[in-house]
């Protein structure tokens, strides 16, 4: 249980840093930010460990934030 809570907290931090380092507006909520951070940590954790894994996780989070922002940019623009 402690591992899951730690992963959520680390995911929130990495996701927030990913949004901070990505230029422009990122219209996403806290749950999506945490999800992106957790995914970035899991991807980086498969390759690197320790501080290097954390830094690579932030870089992966920036890329994921850019991808999610690009995919969701067209949504909500439709008018009736």
C-alpha atoms as a PDB file:
ATOM      1  CA  UNK A   1       0.000   0.000   0.000  1.00  0.00           C
ATOM      2  CA  UNK A   2       2.871   2.352   0.774  1.00  0.00           C
ATOM      3  CA  UNK A   3       4.386   1.725  -2.661  1.00  0.00           C
ATOM      4  CA  UNK A   4       1.158   2.748  -4.390  1.00  0.00           C
ATOM      5  CA  UNK A   5       0.853   5.940  -2.333  1.00  0.00           C
ATOM      6  CA  UNK A   6       4.491   6.775  -3.044  1.00  0.00           C
ATOM      7  CA  UNK A   7       3.972   6.164  -6.755  1.00  0.00           C
ATOM      8  CA  UNK A   8       0.953   8.487  -6.782  1.00  0.00           C
ATOM      9  CA  UNK A   9       2.873  11.242  -4.972  1.00  0.00           C
ATOM     10  CA  UNK A  10       5.936  10.845  -7.203  1.00  0.00           C
ATOM     11  CA  UNK A  11       3.656  10.742 -10.256  1.00  0.00           C
ATOM     12  CA  UNK A  12       2.029  14.000  -9.191  1.00  0.00           C
ATOM     13  CA  UNK A  13       5.439  15.635  -8.773  1.00  0.00           C
ATOM     14  CA  UNK A  14       6.791  14.347 -12.093  1.00  0.00           C
ATOM     15  CA  UNK A  15       3.564  15.216 -13.914  1.00  0.00           C
ATOM     16  CA  UNK A  16       3.576  18.728 -12.459  1.00  0.00           C
ATOM     17  CA  UNK A  17       7.211  19.209 -13.466  1.00  0.00           C
ATOM     18  CA  UNK A  18       6.392  17.933 -16.938  1.00  0.00           C
ATOM     19  CA  UNK A  19       3.604  20.504 -17.239  1.00  0.00           C
ATOM     20  CA  UNK A  20       5.887  23.216 -15.845  1.00  0.00           C
ATOM     21  CA  UNK A  21       8.649  22.557 -18.382  1.00  0.00           C
ATOM     22  CA  UNK A  22       6.248  22.258 -21.323  1.00  0.00           C
ATOM     23  CA  UNK A  23       5.695  25.688 -22.892  1.00  0.00           C
ATOM     24  CA  UNK A  24       2.161  26.826 -23.530  1.00  0.00           C
ATOM     25  CA  UNK A  25      -1.202  26.146 -21.977  1.00  0.00           C
ATOM     26  CA  UNK A  26      -2.038  22.621 -20.820  1.00  0.00           C
ATOM     27  CA  UNK A  27      -5.785  22.213 -20.223  1.00  0.00           C
ATOM     28  CA  UNK A  28      -5.757  19.043 -18.134  1.00  0.00           C
ATOM     29  CA  UNK A  29      -6.811  18.142 -14.630  1.00  0.00           C
ATOM     30  CA  UNK A  30      -4.892  16.794 -11.672  1.00  0.00           C
ATOM     31  CA  UNK A  31      -5.859  13.169 -12.346  1.00  0.00           C
ATOM     32  CA  UNK A  32      -4.492  13.301 -15.883  1.00  0.00           C
ATOM     33  CA  UNK A  33      -1.356  15.011 -14.578  1.00  0.00           C
ATOM     34  CA  UNK A  34      -0.837  12.232 -12.026  1.00  0.00           C
ATOM     35  CA  UNK A  35      -1.510   9.602 -14.696  1.00  0.00           C
ATOM     36  CA  UNK A  36       1.065  11.149 -17.012  1.00  0.00           C
ATOM     37  CA  UNK A  37       3.586  11.312 -14.162  1.00  0.00           C
ATOM     38  CA  UNK A  38       3.030   7.673 -13.206  1.00  0.00           C
ATOM     39  CA  UNK A  39       3.325   6.553 -16.840  1.00  0.00           C
ATOM     40  CA  UNK A  40       6.526   8.583 -17.230  1.00  0.00           C
ATOM     41  CA  UNK A  41       8.015   7.070 -14.073  1.00  0.00           C
ATOM     42  CA  UNK A  42       7.134   3.553 -15.182  1.00  0.00           C
ATOM     43  CA  UNK A  43       8.672   4.096 -18.622  1.00  0.00           C
ATOM     44  CA  UNK A  44      11.832   5.671 -17.176  1.00  0.00           C
ATOM     45  CA  UNK A  45      12.020   3.078 -14.397  1.00  0.00           C
ATOM     46  CA  UNK A  46      12.251   0.267 -16.915  1.00  0.00           C
ATOM     47  CA  UNK A  47      15.502   1.737 -18.230  1.00  0.00           C
ATOM     48  CA  UNK A  48      17.089   3.801 -15.443  1.00  0.00           C
ATOM     49  CA  UNK A  49      17.099   3.797 -11.642  1.00  0.00           C
ATOM     50  CA  UNK A  50      17.620   6.423  -8.954  1.00  0.00           C
ATOM     51  CA  UNK A  51      18.089  10.096  -9.705  1.00  0.00           C
ATOM     52  CA  UNK A  52      18.774   9.464 -13.391  1.00  0.00           C
ATOM     53  CA  UNK A  53      15.438   7.646 -13.636  1.00  0.00           C
ATOM     54  CA  UNK A  54      13.682  10.595 -12.021  1.00  0.00           C
ATOM     55  CA  UNK A  55      15.257  13.088 -14.447  1.00  0.00           C
ATOM     56  CA  UNK A  56      14.442  10.872 -17.428  1.00  0.00           C
ATOM     57  CA  UNK A  57      10.922  10.514 -16.007  1.00  0.00           C
ATOM     58  CA  UNK A  58      10.491  14.290 -16.055  1.00  0.00           C
ATOM     59  CA  UNK A  59      11.718  14.409 -19.657  1.00  0.00           C
ATOM     60  CA  UNK A  60       9.295  11.629 -20.620  1.00  0.00           C
ATOM     61  CA  UNK A  61       6.524  13.514 -18.802  1.00  0.00           C
ATOM     62  CA  UNK A  62       7.225  16.636 -20.876  1.00  0.00           C
ATOM     63  CA  UNK A  63       6.889  14.551 -24.041  1.00  0.00           C
ATOM     64  CA  UNK A  64       3.688  12.923 -22.787  1.00  0.00           C
ATOM     65  CA  UNK A  65       2.196  16.297 -21.820  1.00  0.00           C
ATOM     66  CA  UNK A  66       2.954  17.558 -25.333  1.00  0.00           C
ATOM     67  CA  UNK A  67       1.344  14.478 -26.901  1.00  0.00           C
ATOM     68  CA  UNK A  68      -1.757  14.641 -24.708  1.00  0.00           C
ATOM     69  CA  UNK A  69      -2.053  18.379 -25.323  1.00  0.00           C
ATOM     70  CA  UNK A  70      -1.854  17.830 -29.069  1.00  0.00           C
ATOM     71  CA  UNK A  71      -4.443  15.044 -29.025  1.00  0.00           C
ATOM     72  CA  UNK A  72      -6.912  16.931 -26.821  1.00  0.00           C
ATOM     73  CA  UNK A  73      -6.386  20.324 -28.512  1.00  0.00           C
ATOM     74  CA  UNK A  74      -9.102  19.708 -31.096  1.00  0.00           C
ATOM     75  CA  UNK A  75     -11.712  18.611 -28.556  1.00  0.00           C
ATOM     76  CA  UNK A  76     -14.283  21.045 -27.337  1.00  0.00           C
ATOM     77  CA  UNK A  77     -13.963  23.222 -30.422  1.00  0.00           C
ATOM     78  CA  UNK A  78     -17.129  21.924 -32.068  1.00  0.00           C
ATOM     79  CA  UNK A  79     -20.085  24.276 -32.000  1.00  0.00           C
ATOM     80  CA  UNK A  80     -23.714  23.638 -32.838  1.00  0.00           C
END
